[in-house]
Amino acid sequence: MEPWGVICCLLLVLLVVTAALSNALVLICFISCPDIRGQVPGLFTLNLTLCNLLMAVINMPLTLVGVVHGHQPGGEGLCRVVGFLETFLTSNSMLSMAALSIDRWVAVVFPLSYHSKMRFQDASVIVLYSWIHSLAFPTVALGLSWIGFHQVYGSCTLYNSQPEEEASFLVFIVLFHLLSFLLSFLVLCVTYLQVLKVARSHCRRIDVITMQTLVLLVDLHPSVKQRCLEEQKRRRQRATKKISTFIGTFLFCFSPYVITRLLEISSSTPISSHWGLISRCLAYSKALLDPFVYCLLRKQYRTCCQDMVNKLLKRRSTNSSAQRINSYVGNLVRTTEQ
């Protein structure tokens, strides 16, 4: 294998391990923490986590096998199933991110009526729609035999091997990316920009109150005033950083692969297998980033992880104490018998 292939294989192994572990940790937090399960966004997070976890344990390893051997893993039937799953999981994860952005938009723009506008029933309907939407395209592709092993990407995906169907396949691919990638991206932009607008408005109000307070409290130590001003600056930047992370990671991971697929089928320019694997790995990396972007860096999930670790350590310390006591009693009994 060429050095480039070795590097791609190592990168895929790293993606598989880290994505599987991080998404499994999010799933464990969801199962073990009632506070997380009791929140409406938890349904969207659960749907996104399951998609990423299945991608990490099924599609990524089989892509690794395809890159190593240079041909499809298993038979034609397995390749079609894997391609179906990849198309479904990718589209479903994109729509789940859009659903999370809608939830946050409702929570920030309509805070007083959030619980009436976004109930568990409403979230279930949105998740059901994302499943139906995501199943439609791979089902059509499977029926038209447009799923197969693509040598450029080293994976089983949407692929047309019949030249007479190029026009139909082009329309299908364009529609698929318009109604998955572009639709989700537009929803992310519209909702998060509205959230940012409201957040900046709240920050301006808080800044006015803070400055008025600092003017009135003239006896404050200069260091206290400096900390207040620094907190103002951090507050203004916090929302911008979060929203930039949500939209930026989405674009960074998915847009190279989507653009490459569209260029591949709409022009006669050959796509390098090196770039194809890079774009595929970038799309896979979203499954690694999502647990940290949406879950593990939040205080609620950090607290849940700390509680689980504390319980585990306490249980171990209790077991070790019991073993020491039993050992001591056993030695004492044997000494008495002697």
Protein backbone atom coordinates (compact mmCIF):
# COMPACT_ATOMS: atom_id res chain seq x y z
CA MET A 1 0.00 0.00 0.00
CA GLU A 2 1.19 3.52 -0.79
CA PRO A 3 2.16 5.88 2.06
CA TRP A 4 -0.92 7.96 1.21
CA GLY A 5 -3.14 4.91 1.70
CA VAL A 6 -1.50 4.14 5.03
CA ILE A 7 -2.16 7.70 6.24
CA CYS A 8 -5.83 7.47 5.18
CA CYS A 9 -6.21 4.13 6.94
CA LEU A 10 -4.71 5.48 10.16
CA LEU A 11 -6.99 8.51 9.95
CA LEU A 12 -10.03 6.29 9.48
CA VAL A 13 -9.02 4.10 12.44
CA LEU A 14 -8.69 7.22 14.60
CA LEU A 15 -12.09 8.47 13.43
CA VAL A 16 -13.75 5.12 14.10
CA VAL A 17 -12.41 4.79 17.65
CA THR A 18 -12.97 8.37 18.79
CA ALA A 19 -16.37 8.78 17.14
CA ALA A 20 -17.64 5.49 18.58
CA LEU A 21 -16.41 6.28 22.10
CA SER A 22 -17.65 9.88 22.18
CA ASN A 23 -21.11 9.04 20.83
CA ALA A 24 -21.36 6.04 23.16
CA LEU A 25 -20.58 8.37 26.08
CA VAL A 26 -23.37 10.73 25.01
CA LEU A 27 -25.77 7.78 24.78
CA ILE A 28 -24.75 6.60 28.27
CA CYS A 29 -25.34 10.10 29.64
CA PHE A 30 -28.78 10.18 28.02
CA ILE A 31 -29.72 6.81 29.52
CA SER A 32 -28.37 7.45 33.02
CA CYS A 33 -29.39 11.10 33.56
CA PRO A 34 -33.13 11.79 33.99
CA ASP A 35 -32.63 15.55 33.58
CA ILE A 36 -31.28 15.07 30.06
CA ARG A 37 -34.02 12.59 29.13
CA GLY A 38 -36.67 14.95 30.45
CA GLN A 39 -35.79 17.77 28.05
CA VAL A 40 -37.35 18.07 24.60
CA PRO A 41 -34.02 18.67 22.77
CA GLY A 42 -32.90 15.30 24.12
CA LEU A 43 -34.95 13.59 21.39
CA PHE A 44 -33.06 15.44 18.66
CA THR A 45 -29.75 14.78 20.38
CA LEU A 46 -30.60 11.09 20.73
CA ASN A 47 -31.50 10.83 17.05
CA LEU A 48 -28.25 12.57 16.04
CA THR A 49 -26.18 10.41 18.39
CA LEU A 50 -27.67 7.15 17.11
CA CYS A 51 -26.98 8.19 13.50
CA ASN A 52 -23.38 9.06 14.31
CA LEU A 53 -22.87 5.88 16.35
CA LEU A 54 -24.19 3.65 13.57
CA MET A 55 -21.99 5.49 11.09
CA ALA A 56 -18.97 4.93 13.34
CA VAL A 57 -19.51 1.21 13.91
CA ILE A 58 -20.81 0.17 10.46
CA ASN A 59 -19.94 2.53 7.61
CA MET A 60 -16.54 3.80 8.73
CA PRO A 61 -15.03 0.34 9.34
CA LEU A 62 -16.35 -0.97 6.01
CA THR A 63 -14.93 2.09 4.26
CA LEU A 64 -11.61 1.26 5.89
CA VAL A 65 -11.85 -2.28 4.50
CA GLY A 66 -12.68 -0.88 1.05
CA VAL A 67 -9.67 1.45 1.15
CA VAL A 68 -7.33 -1.37 2.23
CA HIS A 69 -8.50 -3.93 -0.35
CA GLY A 70 -9.47 -1.53 -3.13
CA HIS A 71 -12.84 -3.16 -3.76
CA GLN A 72 -16.23 -3.43 -2.11
CA PRO A 73 -16.38 -5.20 1.26
CA GLY A 74 -18.42 -8.39 1.02
CA GLY A 75 -20.88 -9.12 -1.74
CA GLU A 76 -23.19 -6.92 -3.76
CA GLY A 77 -26.02 -7.26 -1.25
CA LEU A 78 -23.91 -6.08 1.68
CA CYS A 79 -22.62 -3.14 -0.36
CA ARG A 80 -26.17 -2.04 -1.17
CA VAL A 81 -27.20 -2.24 2.48
CA VAL A 82 -24.15 -0.24 3.55
CA GLY A 83 -24.75 2.38 0.84
CA PHE A 84 -28.40 2.63 1.86
CA LEU A 85 -27.39 3.15 5.49
CA GLU A 86 -24.79 5.76 4.64
CA THR A 87 -27.24 7.84 2.60
CA PHE A 88 -29.95 7.54 5.25
CA LEU A 89 -27.70 8.27 8.24
CA THR A 90 -25.99 11.25 6.60
CA SER A 91 -29.28 12.89 5.64
CA ASN A 92 -30.86 12.11 9.01
CA SER A 93 -27.95 13.60 10.94
CA MET A 94 -28.14 16.81 8.88
CA LEU A 95 -31.86 17.13 9.53
CA SER A 96 -31.28 16.45 13.25
CA MET A 97 -28.88 19.41 13.40
CA ALA A 98 -31.51 21.54 11.70
CA ALA A 99 -34.09 20.36 14.25
CA LEU A 100 -31.75 21.32 17.12
CA SER A 101 -31.35 24.79 15.61
CA ILE A 102 -35.13 25.17 15.36
CA ASP A 103 -35.48 24.15 19.01
CA ARG A 104 -32.93 26.75 20.13
CA TRP A 105 -34.58 29.39 17.96
CA VAL A 106 -37.94 28.76 19.62
CA ALA A 107 -36.32 28.76 23.08
CA VAL A 108 -34.55 32.10 22.54
CA VAL A 109 -37.06 34.01 20.42
CA PHE A 110 -40.20 32.73 22.21
CA PRO A 111 -38.98 31.94 25.75
CA LEU A 112 -42.35 32.42 27.45
CA SER A 113 -44.25 30.11 25.09
CA TYR A 114 -41.46 27.59 24.50
CA HIS A 115 -43.10 24.76 26.46
CA SER A 116 -46.33 25.15 24.49
CA LYS A 117 -44.62 25.49 21.10
CA MET A 118 -42.04 22.70 21.53
CA ARG A 119 -43.53 19.71 23.34
CA PHE A 120 -42.45 16.10 23.22
CA GLN A 121 -45.22 15.43 20.71
CA ASP A 122 -43.93 18.20 18.46
CA ALA A 123 -40.36 16.91 18.74
CA SER A 124 -41.53 13.38 17.91
CA VAL A 125 -43.27 14.65 14.78
CA ILE A 126 -40.09 16.43 13.67
CA VAL A 127 -38.00 13.29 14.26
CA LEU A 128 -40.55 11.20 12.37
CA TYR A 129 -40.39 13.62 9.45
CA SER A 130 -36.60 13.47 9.39
CA TRP A 131 -36.78 9.65 9.22
CA ILE A 132 -39.32 9.66 6.37
CA HIS A 133 -37.37 12.35 4.52
CA SER A 134 -34.08 10.49 4.97
CA LEU A 135 -35.51 7.11 3.96
CA ALA A 136 -37.07 8.40 0.74
CA PHE A 137 -33.88 9.00 -1.26
CA PRO A 138 -31.96 5.79 -0.45
CA THR A 139 -35.14 3.78 -1.06
CA VAL A 140 -35.49 5.27 -4.56
CA ALA A 141 -31.77 4.77 -5.20
CA LEU A 142 -31.97 1.15 -4.09
CA GLY A 143 -34.95 0.50 -6.35
CA LEU A 144 -33.14 2.02 -9.35
CA SER A 145 -29.84 0.21 -8.56
CA TRP A 146 -28.04 3.51 -7.95
CA ILE A 147 -26.08 2.22 -4.97
CA GLY A 148 -22.68 0.60 -5.37
CA PHE A 149 -18.99 0.73 -4.54
CA HIS A 150 -17.34 3.99 -5.62
CA GLN A 151 -13.60 3.61 -6.11
CA VAL A 152 -12.89 7.33 -5.67
CA TYR A 153 -14.36 7.43 -2.15
CA GLY A 154 -13.50 3.88 -1.18
CA SER A 155 -17.03 3.26 0.09
CA CYS A 156 -20.45 1.98 -0.91
CA THR A 157 -22.57 5.01 -1.69
CA LEU A 158 -24.82 6.54 -4.35
CA TYR A 159 -23.31 5.37 -7.63
CA ASN A 160 -24.52 4.93 -11.21
CA SER A 161 -22.73 2.44 -13.45
CA GLN A 162 -25.12 2.81 -16.41
CA PRO A 163 -24.16 5.61 -18.87
CA GLU A 164 -27.66 5.87 -20.32
CA GLU A 165 -29.02 6.96 -16.93
CA GLU A 166 -26.53 9.77 -16.30
CA ALA A 167 -29.11 12.56 -16.73
CA SER A 168 -31.59 10.95 -14.33
CA PHE A 169 -28.88 10.21 -11.80
CA LEU A 170 -27.65 13.82 -12.02
CA VAL A 171 -31.14 15.14 -11.23
CA PHE A 172 -31.44 12.67 -8.36
CA ILE A 173 -28.09 13.64 -6.81
CA VAL A 174 -28.83 17.36 -7.11
CA LEU A 175 -32.25 16.94 -5.49
CA PHE A 176 -30.78 14.81 -2.72
CA HIS A 177 -28.16 17.40 -1.78
CA LEU A 178 -30.58 20.29 -2.16
CA LEU A 179 -33.10 18.70 0.20
CA SER A 180 -30.55 17.43 2.73
CA PHE A 181 -27.37 19.53 2.81
CA LEU A 182 -28.66 22.85 1.45
CA LEU A 183 -32.00 22.69 3.28
CA SER A 184 -30.30 21.94 6.60
CA PHE A 185 -27.70 24.66 6.00
CA LEU A 186 -30.38 27.28 5.27
CA VAL A 187 -32.32 26.31 8.39
CA LEU A 188 -29.13 26.54 10.47
CA CYS A 189 -28.31 29.99 9.08
CA VAL A 190 -31.81 31.45 9.45
CA THR A 191 -32.46 30.15 12.96
CA TYR A 192 -29.03 30.78 14.45
CA LEU A 193 -28.78 34.29 12.98
CA GLN A 194 -32.09 35.09 14.65
CA VAL A 195 -30.76 33.62 17.88
CA LEU A 196 -27.62 35.73 17.57
CA LYS A 197 -29.70 38.86 16.94
CA VAL A 198 -31.74 38.28 20.10
CA ALA A 199 -28.64 37.40 22.13
CA ARG A 200 -26.90 40.61 21.10
CA SER A 201 -29.99 42.61 21.99
CA HIS A 202 -30.02 41.07 25.48
CA CYS A 203 -26.28 41.72 25.83
CA ARG A 204 -26.75 45.40 24.98
CA ARG A 205 -29.44 45.73 27.65
CA ILE A 206 -27.26 44.00 30.24
CA ASP A 207 -24.29 46.19 29.25
CA VAL A 208 -26.33 49.37 29.73
CA ILE A 209 -27.44 48.26 33.21
CA THR A 210 -23.89 47.24 34.09
CA MET A 211 -22.40 50.56 33.00
CA GLN A 212 -25.06 52.51 34.91
CA THR A 213 -24.26 50.45 38.00
CA LEU A 214 -20.52 51.06 37.64
CA VAL A 215 -21.12 54.81 37.30
CA LEU A 216 -23.23 54.87 40.46
CA LEU A 217 -20.80 52.70 42.44
CA VAL A 218 -17.86 55.07 42.17
CA ASP A 219 -16.13 53.53 45.19
CA LEU A 220 -15.56 50.19 43.47
CA HIS A 221 -11.99 49.04 43.22
CA PRO A 222 -10.57 49.41 39.68
CA SER A 223 -9.95 45.65 39.48
CA VAL A 224 -13.65 44.98 40.10
CA LYS A 225 -14.63 47.37 37.32
CA GLN A 226 -12.10 45.73 35.01
CA ARG A 227 -13.55 42.29 35.70
CA CYS A 228 -17.05 43.58 34.96
CA LEU A 229 -15.92 45.02 31.64
CA GLU A 230 -14.12 41.79 30.74
CA GLU A 231 -17.25 39.81 31.55
CA GLN A 232 -19.21 42.11 29.23
CA LYS A 233 -16.78 41.35 26.42
CA ARG A 234 -16.92 37.59 27.03
CA ARG A 235 -20.72 37.69 27.13
CA ARG A 236 -20.86 39.43 23.74
CA GLN A 237 -18.48 36.92 22.20
CA ARG A 238 -19.98 33.76 23.70
CA ALA A 239 -23.06 33.55 21.48
CA THR A 240 -21.05 34.41 18.36
CA LYS A 241 -18.51 31.67 19.07
CA LYS A 242 -21.19 29.04 19.67
CA ILE A 243 -23.16 29.87 16.53
CA SER A 244 -19.98 30.06 14.46
CA THR A 245 -19.08 26.60 15.74
CA PHE A 246 -22.48 25.13 14.83
CA ILE A 247 -22.52 26.52 11.30
CA GLY A 248 -18.76 26.35 10.71
CA THR A 249 -18.36 22.66 11.56
CA PHE A 250 -21.35 21.81 9.36
CA LEU A 251 -19.83 23.61 6.38
CA PHE A 252 -16.28 22.43 7.02
CA CYS A 253 -17.22 18.75 7.23
CA PHE A 254 -19.96 18.34 4.62
CA SER A 255 -19.39 20.96 1.92
CA PRO A 256 -16.15 19.46 0.44
CA TYR A 257 -17.84 16.09 -0.07
CA VAL A 258 -21.07 17.58 -1.46
CA ILE A 259 -19.24 19.90 -3.86
CA THR A 260 -17.00 17.04 -4.99
CA ARG A 261 -19.99 14.80 -5.71
CA LEU A 262 -21.73 17.51 -7.71
CA LEU A 263 -18.60 18.32 -9.71
CA GLU A 264 -18.00 14.63 -10.35
CA ILE A 265 -21.35 13.97 -11.99
CA SER A 266 -21.84 17.35 -13.70
CA SER A 267 -18.45 17.60 -15.44
CA SER A 268 -16.01 15.35 -17.16
CA THR A 269 -13.14 16.39 -14.89
CA PRO A 270 -11.76 13.31 -13.12
CA ILE A 271 -11.68 13.41 -9.34
CA SER A 272 -8.50 12.31 -7.62
CA SER A 273 -8.94 9.34 -5.31
CA HIS A 274 -6.77 11.16 -2.76
CA TRP A 275 -9.15 14.11 -2.64
CA GLY A 276 -12.14 11.78 -2.69
CA LEU A 277 -10.90 10.02 0.45
CA ILE A 278 -10.11 13.32 2.14
CA SER A 279 -13.61 14.68 1.47
CA ARG A 280 -15.13 11.40 2.67
CA CYS A 281 -13.07 11.51 5.88
CA LEU A 282 -14.11 15.13 6.46
CA ALA A 283 -17.76 14.11 6.20
CA TYR A 284 -17.12 11.25 8.64
CA SER A 285 -15.39 13.64 11.06
CA LYS A 286 -18.75 15.32 11.76
CA ALA A 287 -19.71 12.19 13.68
CA LEU A 288 -16.70 12.86 15.91
CA LEU A 289 -17.32 16.59 16.36
CA ASP A 290 -21.07 16.45 17.06
CA PRO A 291 -20.81 14.90 20.57
CA PHE A 292 -18.54 17.75 21.67
CA VAL A 293 -20.29 20.55 19.77
CA TYR A 294 -23.80 19.67 20.97
CA CYS A 295 -23.35 17.67 24.18
CA LEU A 296 -20.16 16.86 26.04
CA LEU A 297 -18.93 20.47 26.41
CA ARG A 298 -22.20 21.53 28.00
CA LYS A 299 -22.35 21.82 31.77
CA GLN A 300 -25.24 19.37 32.07
CA TYR A 301 -23.36 16.57 30.35
CA ARG A 302 -20.12 17.34 32.20
CA THR A 303 -21.99 17.11 35.49
CA CYS A 304 -23.54 13.81 34.42
CA CYS A 305 -20.12 12.39 33.49
CA GLN A 306 -18.66 13.55 36.81
CA ASP A 307 -21.52 11.90 38.71
CA MET A 308 -20.99 8.63 36.88
CA VAL A 309 -17.24 8.71 37.55
CA ASN A 310 -17.82 9.52 41.23
CA LYS A 311 -20.29 6.66 41.58
CA LEU A 312 -17.86 4.30 39.88
CA LEU A 313 -14.95 5.36 42.09
CA LYS A 314 -17.10 5.20 45.22
CA ARG A 315 -18.23 1.70 44.30
CA ARG A 316 -14.66 0.61 43.74
CA SER A 317 -13.52 2.14 47.02
CA THR A 318 -16.42 0.43 48.80
CA ASN A 319 -15.54 -2.92 47.24
CA SER A 320 -11.86 -2.55 48.12
CA SER A 321 -12.75 -1.62 51.72
CA ALA A 322 -15.00 -4.66 51.98
CA GLN A 323 -12.22 -6.86 50.62
CA ARG A 324 -9.76 -5.48 53.18
CA ILE A 325 -12.24 -6.08 55.99
CA ASN A 326 -12.94 -9.63 54.83
CA SER A 327 -9.22 -10.32 54.55
CA TYR A 328 -8.61 -8.93 58.03
CA VAL A 329 -11.43 -11.02 59.52
CA GLY A 330 -10.18 -14.13 57.75
CA ASN A 331 -6.66 -13.65 59.07
CA LEU A 332 -8.00 -13.02 62.54
CA VAL A 333 -10.06 -16.21 62.46
CA ARG A 334 -7.12 -18.28 61.28
CA THR A 335 -4.90 -16.81 64.01
CA THR A 336 -7.50 -17.63 66.67
CA GLU A 337 -7.84 -21.20 65.42
CA GLN A 338 -4.09 -21.68 65.63
